[in-house]
Amino acid sequence: MDKTNRTKYNSDAMEIYGPKDIWTNVALYNSSTKKSKKIFPNGLFRIYPLYSGVFEASNSDYGFSKNNFSSVVLKNGNILFSVRSDEYNNDGVIDEDDPIFLFVCTRDGSGLTQISPKGMNLTSFRMSKDGKTILAYFQNDNNGDKKFSSEDEVLYQINITQDISKTETTQITL
């Protein structure tokens, strides 16, 4: 986040995460070709660190960098991001009232795909030891008031495959 785009994002999260922990885009660098590739298209994206208290991914199992990078490198080489990208409640900013989604891309930065259900807010997740399955709690806006509450929480299983287009997201009924 910088001076030119700060007004598009509510600054409340700055107190929680700090100014260097919220990203508006990510670039991957290929050391062989010496080229960088921007991952997210133009638009409003607020990319969060997965090491924060709300998420339960393990630092040792899934490759966080020492710089607290805002992603997880999965064992199959894909990269997982937590992102606010939908100005869901139409208040003019991407902020804490808009949903967090999970996105995944290949290790070369291609195939960026939202793997969490649209319009649902990610609250926590746990990844299997083999890195192929995620159990995630989401909040669904059941009453259409553009707000998320704990009463709206549902559990999903996300099966991540090497071919991102074949990733399956299924609601689990308890």
Protein backbone atom coordinates (compact mmCIF):
# COMPACT_ATOMS: atom_id res chain seq x y z
CA MET A 1 0.00 0.00 0.00
CA ASP A 2 1.38 3.43 -0.84
CA LYS A 3 0.32 7.09 -0.82
CA THR A 4 -1.40 6.87 -4.21
CA ASN A 5 -3.74 4.00 -3.36
CA ARG A 6 -4.13 4.30 0.41
CA THR A 7 -7.53 6.05 0.16
CA LYS A 8 -8.97 3.06 -1.73
CA TYR A 9 -8.28 0.88 1.29
CA ASN A 10 -9.57 1.52 4.78
CA SER A 11 -6.60 2.04 7.09
CA ASP A 12 -8.09 0.11 10.06
CA ALA A 13 -5.98 -2.94 9.27
CA MET A 14 -2.81 -0.87 9.53
CA GLU A 15 -3.10 -1.07 13.31
CA ILE A 16 -3.38 -4.87 13.22
CA TYR A 17 -0.99 -5.84 10.43
CA GLY A 18 1.27 -2.81 9.99
CA PRO A 19 1.91 -0.91 6.74
CA LYS A 20 4.36 -3.44 5.30
CA ASP A 21 2.07 -6.43 5.87
CA ILE A 22 -0.75 -5.49 3.49
CA TRP A 23 0.11 -5.84 -0.18
CA THR A 24 -1.80 -4.54 -3.18
CA ASN A 25 -0.04 -6.92 -5.58
CA VAL A 26 2.66 -9.58 -5.68
CA ALA A 27 5.45 -10.18 -8.19
CA LEU A 28 7.32 -13.45 -8.62
CA TYR A 29 10.94 -13.37 -9.71
CA ASN A 30 12.37 -16.16 -11.90
CA SER A 31 16.11 -16.38 -11.19
CA SER A 32 16.74 -18.40 -14.37
CA THR A 33 15.17 -15.88 -16.76
CA LYS A 34 15.86 -12.88 -14.49
CA LYS A 35 12.30 -11.67 -15.11
CA SER A 36 9.51 -10.73 -12.73
CA LYS A 37 5.81 -11.38 -13.24
CA LYS A 38 2.98 -9.49 -11.58
CA ILE A 39 0.44 -12.00 -10.24
CA PHE A 40 -2.81 -10.06 -9.78
CA PRO A 41 -4.44 -8.06 -12.61
CA ASN A 42 -5.10 -4.34 -12.31
CA GLY A 43 -7.78 -3.58 -9.76
CA LEU A 44 -8.22 -3.44 -6.01
CA PHE A 45 -6.53 -6.29 -4.17
CA ARG A 46 -5.66 -6.33 -0.49
CA ILE A 47 -3.35 -9.29 0.10
CA TYR A 48 -2.95 -10.46 3.70
CA PRO A 49 -0.26 -12.46 5.45
CA LEU A 50 -1.25 -16.03 6.17
CA TYR A 51 0.77 -16.07 9.36
CA SER A 52 -1.71 -13.81 11.14
CA GLY A 53 -3.67 -15.11 14.13
CA VAL A 54 -6.88 -15.56 12.14
CA PHE A 55 -5.25 -18.20 9.93
CA GLU A 56 -3.87 -21.51 11.15
CA ALA A 57 -1.36 -22.45 8.46
CA SER A 58 1.92 -23.71 9.89
CA ASN A 59 5.09 -21.74 9.16
CA SER A 60 7.32 -24.80 9.13
CA ASP A 61 5.23 -26.97 6.82
CA TYR A 62 4.38 -24.64 3.97
CA GLY A 63 7.32 -22.37 3.22
CA PHE A 64 6.81 -18.86 4.59
CA SER A 65 9.80 -16.68 3.82
CA LYS A 66 11.74 -14.93 6.52
CA ASN A 67 10.23 -11.65 5.31
CA ASN A 68 6.68 -12.72 6.29
CA PHE A 69 5.62 -13.00 2.66
CA SER A 70 1.86 -12.98 2.15
CA SER A 71 1.52 -16.47 0.72
CA VAL A 72 2.13 -20.14 1.30
CA VAL A 73 4.03 -22.33 -1.14
CA LEU A 74 2.22 -25.65 -1.23
CA LYS A 75 4.09 -28.94 -1.52
CA ASN A 76 2.93 -29.32 -5.14
CA GLY A 77 4.54 -25.96 -5.97
CA ASN A 78 1.34 -23.91 -6.18
CA ILE A 79 1.14 -20.67 -4.18
CA LEU A 80 -1.77 -19.81 -1.88
CA PHE A 81 -2.87 -16.23 -1.07
CA SER A 82 -5.51 -14.70 1.22
CA VAL A 83 -7.03 -11.66 -0.51
CA ARG A 84 -9.80 -9.10 -0.27
CA SER A 85 -10.72 -8.33 -3.86
CA ASP A 86 -14.46 -7.70 -3.83
CA GLU A 87 -15.88 -4.36 -2.74
CA TYR A 88 -18.78 -6.48 -1.49
CA ASN A 89 -20.75 -3.97 0.59
CA ASN A 90 -20.46 -1.11 -1.95
CA ASP A 91 -19.01 1.42 0.51
CA GLY A 92 -16.28 2.56 -1.90
CA VAL A 93 -13.28 0.91 -0.22
CA ILE A 94 -11.77 -2.53 0.27
CA ASP A 95 -11.86 -2.91 4.06
CA GLU A 96 -12.54 -5.26 6.96
CA ASP A 97 -16.25 -5.48 6.03
CA ASP A 98 -15.45 -7.10 2.65
CA PRO A 99 -14.82 -10.86 2.36
CA ILE A 100 -11.42 -12.55 2.37
CA PHE A 101 -10.94 -15.15 -0.38
CA LEU A 102 -8.33 -17.83 -1.00
CA PHE A 103 -6.50 -17.60 -4.34
CA VAL A 104 -3.98 -20.03 -5.80
CA CYS A 105 -1.56 -19.79 -8.73
CA THR A 106 1.19 -21.98 -10.16
CA ARG A 107 4.76 -21.42 -9.05
CA ASP A 108 5.49 -19.52 -12.27
CA GLY A 109 2.63 -17.10 -11.48
CA SER A 110 0.16 -18.35 -14.08
CA GLY A 111 -3.36 -19.65 -13.57
CA LEU A 112 -4.40 -17.30 -10.75
CA THR A 113 -7.71 -18.74 -9.50
CA GLN A 114 -10.04 -17.91 -6.64
CA ILE A 115 -10.65 -21.25 -4.90
CA SER A 116 -12.99 -20.06 -2.16
CA PRO A 117 -16.69 -19.54 -2.85
CA LYS A 118 -17.61 -16.09 -4.18
CA GLY A 119 -19.27 -13.81 -1.65
CA MET A 120 -18.13 -15.89 1.32
CA ASN A 121 -15.67 -14.63 3.93
CA LEU A 122 -12.76 -16.87 4.97
CA THR A 123 -12.42 -17.00 8.78
CA SER A 124 -9.88 -19.81 9.26
CA PHE A 125 -8.40 -22.82 7.56
CA ARG A 126 -6.30 -25.88 8.24
CA MET A 127 -4.23 -27.64 5.63
CA SER A 128 -3.59 -31.40 5.44
CA LYS A 129 -0.01 -32.57 5.99
CA ASP A 130 0.32 -33.53 2.32
CA GLY A 131 -0.74 -30.00 1.28
CA LYS A 132 -3.49 -31.26 -1.03
CA THR A 133 -6.58 -30.56 1.07
CA ILE A 134 -7.75 -27.51 2.97
CA LEU A 135 -10.60 -27.48 5.48
CA ALA A 136 -11.83 -23.91 5.71
CA TYR A 137 -14.50 -22.06 7.60
CA PHE A 138 -16.31 -19.36 5.67
CA GLN A 139 -19.06 -16.97 6.62
CA ASN A 140 -21.98 -16.81 4.22
CA ASP A 141 -24.18 -13.70 4.10
CA ASN A 142 -27.38 -15.72 4.59
CA ASN A 143 -29.72 -12.76 5.09
CA GLY A 144 -28.26 -10.58 2.32
CA ASP A 145 -27.41 -7.63 4.59
CA LYS A 146 -23.83 -7.44 3.19
CA LYS A 147 -22.43 -8.34 6.64
CA PHE A 148 -20.84 -11.52 7.90
CA SER A 149 -21.48 -13.02 11.34
CA SER A 150 -20.56 -16.20 13.20
CA GLU A 151 -24.11 -17.52 12.70
CA ASP A 152 -23.36 -17.62 8.98
CA GLU A 153 -20.31 -19.94 9.31
CA VAL A 154 -20.02 -23.00 7.07
CA LEU A 155 -17.26 -25.59 6.55
CA TYR A 156 -15.77 -26.36 3.13
CA GLN A 157 -13.24 -28.88 1.88
CA ILE A 158 -10.95 -27.67 -0.89
CA ASN A 159 -9.01 -30.32 -2.82
CA ILE A 160 -6.07 -28.63 -4.55
CA THR A 161 -4.69 -30.42 -7.58
CA GLN A 162 -1.54 -29.76 -9.59
CA ASP A 163 -3.86 -28.55 -12.38
CA ILE A 164 -5.52 -25.61 -10.62
CA SER A 165 -8.52 -25.69 -12.97
CA LYS A 166 -9.48 -29.06 -11.45
CA THR A 167 -9.48 -27.81 -7.83
CA GLU A 168 -12.70 -28.86 -6.10
CA THR A 169 -14.52 -26.88 -3.38
CA THR A 170 -17.28 -28.74 -1.54
CA GLN A 171 -19.42 -27.71 1.42
CA ILE A 172 -19.32 -30.17 4.32
CA THR A 173 -22.59 -30.70 6.15
CA LEU A 174 -22.12 -31.43 9.84
